[in-house]
Amino acid sequence: MSTRRDGVAECKYTTDTEGIYKFVVTFDDEEVPGSPFEVKVEGEMIVDTTKVKVSGAGLKAGKNRQLNEVIVDPRGSGITCM
């Protein structure tokens, strides 16, 4: 965030995926009128699957009726795990 000379605050954001985003704007611990602001973000999602890292014992051998751990690390790929 930056504040211009005229006192107006400017905020910029970058998203990795399209969807509905809500922005809560407060001043002096109170929401400003109209907040939260809802923004529909559209556009092509850029994904780089070469940056996904997968590891864990479950990749080498799995056991029936037991938890088999696999770790997926998508950081930097443009993919979000939920």
C-alpha atoms as a PDB file:
ATOM      1  CA  MET A   1       0.000   0.000   0.000  1.00  0.00           C
ATOM      2  CA  SER A   2       1.154   3.508  -0.691  1.00  0.00           C
ATOM      3  CA  THR A   3      -0.236   6.927   0.156  1.00  0.00           C
ATOM      4  CA  ARG A   4      -0.251   9.631  -2.470  1.00  0.00           C
ATOM      5  CA  ARG A   5       0.466  13.288  -1.734  1.00  0.00           C
ATOM      6  CA  ASP A   6      -3.269  14.055  -1.774  1.00  0.00           C
ATOM      7  CA  GLY A   7      -3.827  11.532   1.061  1.00  0.00           C
ATOM      8  CA  VAL A   8      -5.413   8.806  -1.070  1.00  0.00           C
ATOM      9  CA  ALA A   9      -4.150   5.305  -0.268  1.00  0.00           C
ATOM     10  CA  GLU A  10      -3.477   2.981  -3.205  1.00  0.00           C
ATOM     11  CA  CYS A  11      -3.449  -0.797  -2.875  1.00  0.00           C
ATOM     12  CA  LYS A  12      -2.482  -3.264  -5.596  1.00  0.00           C
ATOM     13  CA  TYR A  13      -2.919  -7.024  -5.683  1.00  0.00           C
ATOM     14  CA  THR A  14      -2.014 -10.005  -7.839  1.00  0.00           C
ATOM     15  CA  THR A  15      -3.981 -13.240  -7.949  1.00  0.00           C
ATOM     16  CA  ASP A  16      -2.966 -16.718  -9.116  1.00  0.00           C
ATOM     17  CA  THR A  17      -6.447 -18.025  -9.876  1.00  0.00           C
ATOM     18  CA  GLU A  18      -9.687 -16.572 -11.085  1.00  0.00           C
ATOM     19  CA  GLY A  19     -12.660 -16.334  -8.767  1.00  0.00           C
ATOM     20  CA  ILE A  20     -14.525 -14.023  -6.419  1.00  0.00           C
ATOM     21  CA  TYR A  21     -12.307 -12.079  -4.016  1.00  0.00           C
ATOM     22  CA  LYS A  22     -13.498  -9.955  -1.106  1.00  0.00           C
ATOM     23  CA  PHE A  23     -11.462  -7.043   0.227  1.00  0.00           C
ATOM     24  CA  VAL A  24     -12.146  -5.597   3.659  1.00  0.00           C
ATOM     25  CA  VAL A  25     -11.115  -1.949   3.956  1.00  0.00           C
ATOM     26  CA  THR A  26     -10.839  -0.391   7.399  1.00  0.00           C
ATOM     27  CA  PHE A  27      -9.869   2.955   8.805  1.00  0.00           C
ATOM     28  CA  ASP A  28      -9.233   3.457  12.503  1.00  0.00           C
ATOM     29  CA  ASP A  29     -10.407  -0.145  13.151  1.00  0.00           C
ATOM     30  CA  GLU A  30     -13.788   0.446  11.454  1.00  0.00           C
ATOM     31  CA  GLU A  31     -14.909  -0.825   8.050  1.00  0.00           C
ATOM     32  CA  VAL A  32     -15.438   1.915   5.487  1.00  0.00           C
ATOM     33  CA  PRO A  33     -18.900   2.111   3.841  1.00  0.00           C
ATOM     34  CA  GLY A  34     -19.322  -0.554   1.154  1.00  0.00           C
ATOM     35  CA  SER A  35     -16.696  -2.878   2.656  1.00  0.00           C
ATOM     36  CA  PRO A  36     -16.125  -5.706   2.019  1.00  0.00           C
ATOM     37  CA  PHE A  37     -15.676  -5.000  -1.677  1.00  0.00           C
ATOM     38  CA  GLU A  38     -16.255  -7.958  -3.981  1.00  0.00           C
ATOM     39  CA  VAL A  39     -14.154  -8.330  -7.138  1.00  0.00           C
ATOM     40  CA  LYS A  40     -14.622 -10.977  -9.828  1.00  0.00           C
ATOM     41  CA  VAL A  41     -11.199 -11.886 -11.215  1.00  0.00           C
ATOM     42  CA  GLU A  42     -11.144 -13.543 -14.631  1.00  0.00           C
ATOM     43  CA  GLY A  43      -8.385 -14.734 -16.899  1.00  0.00           C
ATOM     44  CA  GLU A  44      -6.259 -17.661 -17.877  1.00  0.00           C
ATOM     45  CA  MET A  45      -4.594 -19.474 -15.025  1.00  0.00           C
ATOM     46  CA  ILE A  46      -0.860 -19.915 -15.545  1.00  0.00           C
ATOM     47  CA  VAL A  47       0.357 -23.229 -14.156  1.00  0.00           C
ATOM     48  CA  ASP A  48       3.902 -24.636 -14.181  1.00  0.00           C
ATOM     49  CA  THR A  49       3.618 -28.285 -13.139  1.00  0.00           C
ATOM     50  CA  THR A  50       7.402 -28.694 -13.331  1.00  0.00           C
ATOM     51  CA  LYS A  51       7.586 -26.781 -10.044  1.00  0.00           C
ATOM     52  CA  VAL A  52       5.328 -29.237  -8.165  1.00  0.00           C
ATOM     53  CA  LYS A  53       7.296 -31.447  -5.770  1.00  0.00           C
ATOM     54  CA  VAL A  54       5.864 -34.780  -4.612  1.00  0.00           C
ATOM     55  CA  SER A  55       7.454 -36.911  -1.887  1.00  0.00           C
ATOM     56  CA  GLY A  56       6.615 -39.274   0.945  1.00  0.00           C
ATOM     57  CA  ALA A  57       6.818 -42.926   1.877  1.00  0.00           C
ATOM     58  CA  GLY A  58       3.465 -43.613   0.167  1.00  0.00           C
ATOM     59  CA  LEU A  59       5.133 -43.201  -3.221  1.00  0.00           C
ATOM     60  CA  LYS A  60       7.500 -46.123  -2.586  1.00  0.00           C
ATOM     61  CA  ALA A  61       5.160 -48.598  -0.940  1.00  0.00           C
ATOM     62  CA  GLY A  62       1.589 -48.458   0.316  1.00  0.00           C
ATOM     63  CA  LYS A  63      -0.208 -50.607   2.870  1.00  0.00           C
ATOM     64  CA  ASN A  64      -3.854 -51.592   2.673  1.00  0.00           C
ATOM     65  CA  ARG A  65      -6.138 -50.098   5.363  1.00  0.00           C
ATOM     66  CA  GLN A  66      -3.390 -47.824   6.714  1.00  0.00           C
ATOM     67  CA  LEU A  67      -2.548 -44.195   6.133  1.00  0.00           C
ATOM     68  CA  ASN A  68      -0.029 -43.835   3.336  1.00  0.00           C
ATOM     69  CA  GLU A  69       1.632 -40.422   3.324  1.00  0.00           C
ATOM     70  CA  VAL A  70       2.226 -38.468   0.121  1.00  0.00           C
ATOM     71  CA  ILE A  71       3.315 -34.816   0.316  1.00  0.00           C
ATOM     72  CA  VAL A  72       2.444 -32.462  -2.559  1.00  0.00           C
ATOM     73  CA  ASP A  73       4.244 -29.105  -2.550  1.00  0.00           C
ATOM     74  CA  PRO A  74       2.808 -26.827  -5.267  1.00  0.00           C
ATOM     75  CA  ARG A  75       4.574 -23.616  -4.184  1.00  0.00           C
ATOM     76  CA  GLY A  76       5.634 -21.537  -7.147  1.00  0.00           C
ATOM     77  CA  SER A  77       3.551 -23.566  -9.614  1.00  0.00           C
ATOM     78  CA  GLY A  78       0.372 -21.482  -9.638  1.00  0.00           C
ATOM     79  CA  ILE A  79      -1.596 -24.403  -8.158  1.00  0.00           C
ATOM     80  CA  THR A  80      -3.334 -24.153  -4.789  1.00  0.00           C
ATOM     81  CA  CYS A  81      -4.068 -27.198  -2.621  1.00  0.00           C
ATOM     82  CA  MET A  82      -7.042 -27.144  -0.284  1.00  0.00           C
END
